[in-house]
Amino acid sequence: MNDKVIIGRLGAARGLNGELKIVPLTDFENRFDNLTEVEVDGKILKINYVKYVGNNLVVNFENINNREEAQKLTGKLLKVDKKNAAPLAEGEFYTFDLIGMQVFDTDDNKIGKITNVL
């Protein structure tokens, strides 16, 4: 069972001190506020800071101190534990929670199961 949620993808390195742009993959614009760690390629990375530079979201990780180290992370996905996913309003669902669910018609006849949401 996958217990992680993808919240973003790391973009290009920015500057010389290990900063990377973040491409958010979330509907929650404040998702990165107060974030202290994320999983990248199965490893937990501690976050020094996340800030906005113009329209870009930028992150700096602990122990990533130069452009060359940062460039190795470009294109990698940022993940957090599902338990830390942003809360939803009543009647709202995450797509990842719907995948695999059984589908029934109004007469309770099984139609199939959800395999993808477009």
N, C-alpha and C. Protein backbone atom coordinates (compact mmCIF):
# COMPACT_ATOMS: atom_id res chain seq x y z
N MET A 1 0.85 -1.19 0.00
CA MET A 1 0.00 0.00 0.00
C MET A 1 0.88 1.24 0.00
N ASN A 2 0.55 2.21 -0.84
CA ASN A 2 1.32 3.44 -0.93
C ASN A 2 0.84 4.41 0.14
N ASP A 3 1.71 4.76 1.05
CA ASP A 3 1.34 5.65 2.14
C ASP A 3 1.88 7.06 1.96
N LYS A 4 2.24 7.42 0.73
CA LYS A 4 2.80 8.73 0.42
C LYS A 4 1.91 9.47 -0.58
N VAL A 5 1.97 10.80 -0.51
CA VAL A 5 1.24 11.67 -1.41
C VAL A 5 2.25 12.57 -2.12
N ILE A 6 2.16 12.65 -3.43
CA ILE A 6 3.03 13.54 -4.20
C ILE A 6 2.48 14.96 -4.10
N ILE A 7 3.34 15.89 -3.69
CA ILE A 7 2.90 17.28 -3.57
C ILE A 7 3.63 18.22 -4.52
N GLY A 8 4.69 17.73 -5.15
CA GLY A 8 5.43 18.60 -6.05
C GLY A 8 6.56 17.87 -6.75
N ARG A 9 7.18 18.59 -7.68
CA ARG A 9 8.34 18.08 -8.40
C ARG A 9 9.42 19.14 -8.31
N LEU A 10 10.64 18.70 -8.13
CA LEU A 10 11.75 19.65 -8.06
C LEU A 10 12.14 20.09 -9.46
N GLY A 11 12.26 21.39 -9.62
CA GLY A 11 12.63 21.96 -10.91
C GLY A 11 14.12 22.26 -10.95
N ALA A 12 14.46 23.26 -11.68
CA ALA A 12 15.86 23.62 -11.90
C ALA A 12 16.52 24.17 -10.63
N ALA A 13 17.82 23.97 -10.56
CA ALA A 13 18.60 24.59 -9.48
C ALA A 13 18.54 26.09 -9.66
N ARG A 14 18.59 26.81 -8.55
CA ARG A 14 18.54 28.27 -8.58
C ARG A 14 19.72 28.81 -7.77
N GLY A 15 20.55 29.58 -8.39
CA GLY A 15 21.68 30.16 -7.68
C GLY A 15 22.77 29.14 -7.43
N LEU A 16 23.67 29.48 -6.51
CA LEU A 16 24.85 28.64 -6.26
C LEU A 16 24.81 27.91 -4.93
N ASN A 17 23.82 28.20 -4.08
CA ASN A 17 23.85 27.64 -2.72
C ASN A 17 22.87 26.49 -2.47
N GLY A 18 22.48 25.77 -3.52
CA GLY A 18 21.68 24.56 -3.34
C GLY A 18 20.18 24.75 -3.40
N GLU A 19 19.71 25.92 -3.79
CA GLU A 19 18.26 26.12 -3.91
C GLU A 19 17.73 25.45 -5.17
N LEU A 20 16.47 25.01 -5.07
CA LEU A 20 15.78 24.41 -6.22
C LEU A 20 14.39 25.01 -6.33
N LYS A 21 13.92 25.18 -7.56
CA LYS A 21 12.54 25.58 -7.76
C LYS A 21 11.64 24.37 -7.50
N ILE A 22 10.42 24.65 -7.06
CA ILE A 22 9.42 23.60 -6.84
C ILE A 22 8.29 23.82 -7.85
N VAL A 23 7.88 22.76 -8.52
CA VAL A 23 6.69 22.77 -9.34
C VAL A 23 5.60 22.12 -8.49
N PRO A 24 4.68 22.92 -7.93
CA PRO A 24 3.64 22.34 -7.06
C PRO A 24 2.72 21.41 -7.85
N LEU A 25 2.41 20.27 -7.27
CA LEU A 25 1.45 19.32 -7.86
C LEU A 25 0.33 19.09 -6.85
N THR A 26 -0.21 20.17 -6.36
CA THR A 26 -1.24 20.15 -5.35
C THR A 26 -2.22 21.29 -5.60
N ASP A 27 -3.43 21.12 -5.15
CA ASP A 27 -4.44 22.18 -5.26
C ASP A 27 -4.38 23.13 -4.07
N PHE A 28 -3.54 22.82 -3.10
CA PHE A 28 -3.48 23.60 -1.87
C PHE A 28 -2.27 24.53 -1.92
N GLU A 29 -2.53 25.81 -2.22
CA GLU A 29 -1.45 26.76 -2.47
C GLU A 29 -0.55 26.98 -1.26
N ASN A 30 -1.03 26.77 -0.07
CA ASN A 30 -0.22 26.96 1.14
C ASN A 30 0.42 25.66 1.61
N ARG A 31 0.39 24.64 0.80
CA ARG A 31 0.88 23.31 1.19
C ARG A 31 2.32 23.33 1.68
N PHE A 32 3.12 24.23 1.16
CA PHE A 32 4.55 24.23 1.46
C PHE A 32 4.89 25.12 2.66
N ASP A 33 3.90 25.86 3.15
CA ASP A 33 4.13 26.68 4.35
C ASP A 33 4.37 25.76 5.54
N ASN A 34 5.38 26.04 6.31
CA ASN A 34 5.70 25.29 7.53
C ASN A 34 6.08 23.84 7.29
N LEU A 35 6.40 23.46 6.07
CA LEU A 35 6.84 22.10 5.77
C LEU A 35 8.28 21.93 6.27
N THR A 36 8.53 20.86 7.01
CA THR A 36 9.86 20.66 7.60
C THR A 36 10.66 19.55 6.95
N GLU A 37 9.97 18.61 6.29
CA GLU A 37 10.67 17.53 5.61
C GLU A 37 9.79 16.93 4.54
N VAL A 38 10.44 16.33 3.54
CA VAL A 38 9.75 15.63 2.47
C VAL A 38 10.55 14.38 2.12
N GLU A 39 9.90 13.46 1.43
CA GLU A 39 10.60 12.29 0.92
C GLU A 39 10.93 12.53 -0.55
N VAL A 40 12.18 12.26 -0.92
CA VAL A 40 12.63 12.36 -2.31
C VAL A 40 13.41 11.08 -2.60
N ASP A 41 12.94 10.31 -3.58
CA ASP A 41 13.60 9.05 -3.94
C ASP A 41 13.81 8.12 -2.73
N GLY A 42 12.81 8.03 -1.88
CA GLY A 42 12.86 7.13 -0.73
C GLY A 42 13.69 7.64 0.44
N LYS A 43 14.22 8.84 0.35
CA LYS A 43 15.02 9.42 1.43
C LYS A 43 14.31 10.63 2.00
N ILE A 44 14.36 10.80 3.31
CA ILE A 44 13.78 11.97 3.96
C ILE A 44 14.79 13.11 3.88
N LEU A 45 14.35 14.23 3.33
CA LEU A 45 15.18 15.43 3.26
C LEU A 45 14.60 16.49 4.18
N LYS A 46 15.42 17.02 5.06
CA LYS A 46 15.03 18.10 5.96
C LYS A 46 15.06 19.41 5.18
N ILE A 47 14.07 20.24 5.41
CA ILE A 47 13.96 21.51 4.71
C ILE A 47 14.49 22.63 5.58
N ASN A 48 15.43 23.40 5.03
CA ASN A 48 15.90 24.61 5.72
C ASN A 48 14.87 25.72 5.58
N TYR A 49 14.38 25.90 4.35
CA TYR A 49 13.35 26.92 4.12
C TYR A 49 12.69 26.69 2.77
N VAL A 50 11.47 27.22 2.66
CA VAL A 50 10.73 27.32 1.41
C VAL A 50 10.31 28.77 1.32
N LYS A 51 10.53 29.39 0.17
CA LYS A 51 10.18 30.79 0.00
C LYS A 51 9.70 31.05 -1.42
N TYR A 52 9.03 32.18 -1.58
CA TYR A 52 8.62 32.63 -2.91
C TYR A 52 9.64 33.63 -3.41
N VAL A 53 10.09 33.42 -4.63
CA VAL A 53 10.96 34.37 -5.32
C VAL A 53 10.22 34.73 -6.60
N GLY A 54 9.60 35.90 -6.62
CA GLY A 54 8.72 36.25 -7.73
C GLY A 54 7.54 35.29 -7.72
N ASN A 55 7.29 34.64 -8.84
CA ASN A 55 6.22 33.65 -8.94
C ASN A 55 6.70 32.23 -8.69
N ASN A 56 7.98 32.08 -8.36
CA ASN A 56 8.56 30.76 -8.17
C ASN A 56 8.62 30.39 -6.70
N LEU A 57 8.33 29.14 -6.43
CA LEU A 57 8.49 28.56 -5.10
C LEU A 57 9.87 27.92 -5.07
N VAL A 58 10.66 28.24 -4.05
CA VAL A 58 12.05 27.79 -3.97
C VAL A 58 12.27 27.08 -2.64
N VAL A 59 13.03 25.98 -2.68
CA VAL A 59 13.34 25.21 -1.47
C VAL A 59 14.85 25.09 -1.31
N ASN A 60 15.26 24.99 -0.05
CA ASN A 60 16.66 24.70 0.28
C ASN A 60 16.64 23.58 1.31
N PHE A 61 17.37 22.50 1.01
CA PHE A 61 17.42 21.34 1.90
C PHE A 61 18.70 21.34 2.72
N GLU A 62 18.59 20.77 3.89
CA GLU A 62 19.76 20.55 4.73
C GLU A 62 20.73 19.63 3.97
N ASN A 63 22.02 19.93 4.02
CA ASN A 63 23.09 19.15 3.38
C ASN A 63 23.10 19.21 1.86
N ILE A 64 22.31 20.08 1.26
CA ILE A 64 22.41 20.36 -0.18
C ILE A 64 22.90 21.81 -0.25
N ASN A 65 24.21 21.96 -0.44
CA ASN A 65 24.83 23.26 -0.23
C ASN A 65 25.36 23.95 -1.49
N ASN A 66 25.24 23.28 -2.65
CA ASN A 66 25.74 23.92 -3.86
C ASN A 66 24.89 23.52 -5.06
N ARG A 67 25.10 24.20 -6.14
CA ARG A 67 24.32 24.00 -7.35
C ARG A 67 24.44 22.57 -7.90
N GLU A 68 25.63 22.02 -7.84
CA GLU A 68 25.85 20.67 -8.39
C GLU A 68 25.04 19.62 -7.62
N GLU A 69 25.01 19.73 -6.30
CA GLU A 69 24.21 18.80 -5.49
C GLU A 69 22.73 18.98 -5.78
N ALA A 70 22.31 20.23 -5.92
CA ALA A 70 20.91 20.53 -6.19
C ALA A 70 20.47 19.98 -7.55
N GLN A 71 21.32 20.12 -8.55
CA GLN A 71 20.97 19.66 -9.90
C GLN A 71 20.68 18.16 -9.95
N LYS A 72 21.28 17.38 -9.07
CA LYS A 72 21.03 15.94 -9.03
C LYS A 72 19.59 15.63 -8.64
N LEU A 73 18.91 16.59 -8.02
CA LEU A 73 17.53 16.39 -7.56
C LEU A 73 16.49 16.89 -8.56
N THR A 74 16.92 17.59 -9.59
CA THR A 74 15.98 18.13 -10.58
C THR A 74 15.14 17.02 -11.18
N GLY A 75 13.83 17.25 -11.20
CA GLY A 75 12.89 16.28 -11.76
C GLY A 75 12.36 15.27 -10.76
N LYS A 76 12.92 15.22 -9.57
CA LYS A 76 12.48 14.26 -8.55
C LYS A 76 11.17 14.72 -7.92
N LEU A 77 10.37 13.77 -7.46
CA LEU A 77 9.08 14.07 -6.84
C LEU A 77 9.22 14.30 -5.34
N LEU A 78 8.44 15.25 -4.83
CA LEU A 78 8.36 15.52 -3.40
C LEU A 78 7.14 14.80 -2.85
N LYS A 79 7.34 14.02 -1.80
CA LYS A 79 6.24 13.25 -1.21
C LYS A 79 6.16 13.50 0.29
N VAL A 80 4.94 13.38 0.82
CA VAL A 80 4.71 13.43 2.26
C VAL A 80 3.83 12.25 2.64
N ASP A 81 3.80 11.92 3.92
CA ASP A 81 2.92 10.86 4.40
C ASP A 81 1.46 11.22 4.15
N LYS A 82 0.64 10.24 3.79
CA LYS A 82 -0.78 10.49 3.59
C LYS A 82 -1.41 11.12 4.82
N LYS A 83 -0.94 10.71 5.99
CA LYS A 83 -1.53 11.26 7.22
C LYS A 83 -1.29 12.77 7.33
N ASN A 84 -0.34 13.29 6.56
CA ASN A 84 -0.06 14.73 6.56
C ASN A 84 -0.68 15.45 5.36
N ALA A 85 -1.55 14.76 4.64
CA ALA A 85 -2.22 15.39 3.50
C ALA A 85 -3.13 16.49 4.02
N ALA A 86 -3.33 17.51 3.21
CA ALA A 86 -4.20 18.62 3.60
C ALA A 86 -5.62 18.10 3.81
N PRO A 87 -6.29 18.60 4.84
CA PRO A 87 -7.66 18.14 5.12
C PRO A 87 -8.63 18.59 4.03
N LEU A 88 -9.63 17.77 3.80
CA LEU A 88 -10.66 18.07 2.81
C LEU A 88 -11.98 18.38 3.49
N ALA A 89 -12.84 19.08 2.78
CA ALA A 89 -14.18 19.35 3.28
C ALA A 89 -15.02 18.08 3.19
N GLU A 90 -16.11 18.06 3.93
CA GLU A 90 -17.01 16.91 3.89
C GLU A 90 -17.50 16.67 2.47
N GLY A 91 -17.46 15.41 2.03
CA GLY A 91 -17.91 15.05 0.70
C GLY A 91 -16.83 15.17 -0.37
N GLU A 92 -15.63 15.64 0.00
CA GLU A 92 -14.52 15.72 -0.94
C GLU A 92 -13.60 14.53 -0.72
N PHE A 93 -12.94 14.09 -1.80
CA PHE A 93 -12.07 12.93 -1.73
C PHE A 93 -10.81 13.18 -2.54
N TYR A 94 -9.72 12.60 -2.10
CA TYR A 94 -8.51 12.61 -2.90
C TYR A 94 -8.65 11.54 -3.98
N THR A 95 -8.10 11.81 -5.16
CA THR A 95 -8.13 10.85 -6.26
C THR A 95 -7.50 9.53 -5.83
N PHE A 96 -6.37 9.59 -5.09
CA PHE A 96 -5.70 8.35 -4.70
C PHE A 96 -6.55 7.51 -3.76
N ASP A 97 -7.52 8.10 -3.07
CA ASP A 97 -8.41 7.32 -2.23
C ASP A 97 -9.51 6.64 -3.04
N LEU A 98 -9.80 7.16 -4.23
CA LEU A 98 -10.85 6.59 -5.06
C LEU A 98 -10.36 5.40 -5.89
N ILE A 99 -9.10 5.43 -6.28
CA ILE A 99 -8.56 4.34 -7.11
C ILE A 99 -8.68 3.02 -6.36
N GLY A 100 -9.27 2.04 -7.04
CA GLY A 100 -9.44 0.71 -6.45
C GLY A 100 -10.81 0.50 -5.81
N MET A 101 -11.60 1.56 -5.67
CA MET A 101 -12.93 1.41 -5.06
C MET A 101 -13.89 0.74 -6.04
N GLN A 102 -14.81 -0.04 -5.49
CA GLN A 102 -15.85 -0.69 -6.28
C GLN A 102 -16.92 0.33 -6.66
N VAL A 103 -17.52 0.16 -7.85
CA VAL A 103 -18.56 1.06 -8.35
C VAL A 103 -19.84 0.26 -8.56
N PHE A 104 -20.93 0.81 -8.05
CA PHE A 104 -22.23 0.15 -8.15
C PHE A 104 -23.24 1.11 -8.77
N ASP A 105 -24.22 0.56 -9.48
CA ASP A 105 -25.28 1.41 -10.02
C ASP A 105 -26.33 1.64 -8.94
N THR A 106 -27.39 2.37 -9.29
CA THR A 106 -28.41 2.72 -8.29
C THR A 106 -29.21 1.52 -7.81
N ASP A 107 -29.13 0.39 -8.53
CA ASP A 107 -29.80 -0.84 -8.10
C ASP A 107 -28.84 -1.76 -7.35
N ASP A 108 -27.68 -1.26 -6.99
CA ASP A 108 -26.66 -1.98 -6.23
C ASP A 108 -26.01 -3.12 -7.02
N ASN A 109 -26.03 -3.01 -8.36
CA ASN A 109 -25.33 -3.96 -9.21
C ASN A 109 -23.89 -3.48 -9.39
N LYS A 110 -22.95 -4.39 -9.21
CA LYS A 110 -21.55 -4.02 -9.36
C LYS A 110 -21.23 -3.75 -10.82
N ILE A 111 -20.64 -2.58 -11.06
CA ILE A 111 -20.25 -2.17 -12.42
C ILE A 111 -18.79 -2.46 -12.65
N GLY A 112 -17.99 -2.26 -11.66
CA GLY A 112 -16.53 -2.47 -11.79
C GLY A 112 -15.81 -1.75 -10.69
N LYS A 113 -14.55 -1.40 -10.96
CA LYS A 113 -13.80 -0.64 -9.97
C LYS A 113 -13.06 0.51 -10.65
N ILE A 114 -12.77 1.53 -9.88
CA ILE A 114 -12.09 2.71 -10.40
C ILE A 114 -10.60 2.39 -10.58
N THR A 115 -10.13 2.59 -11.80
CA THR A 115 -8.72 2.32 -12.09
C THR A 115 -7.94 3.59 -12.40
N ASN A 116 -8.67 4.68 -12.77
CA ASN A 116 -8.00 5.92 -13.10
C ASN A 116 -9.03 7.04 -13.05
N VAL A 117 -8.55 8.25 -12.82
CA VAL A 117 -9.41 9.43 -12.87
C VAL A 117 -8.76 10.41 -13.82
N LEU A 118 -9.50 10.84 -14.82
CA LEU A 118 -8.97 11.77 -15.82
C LEU A 118 -9.53 13.16 -15.56
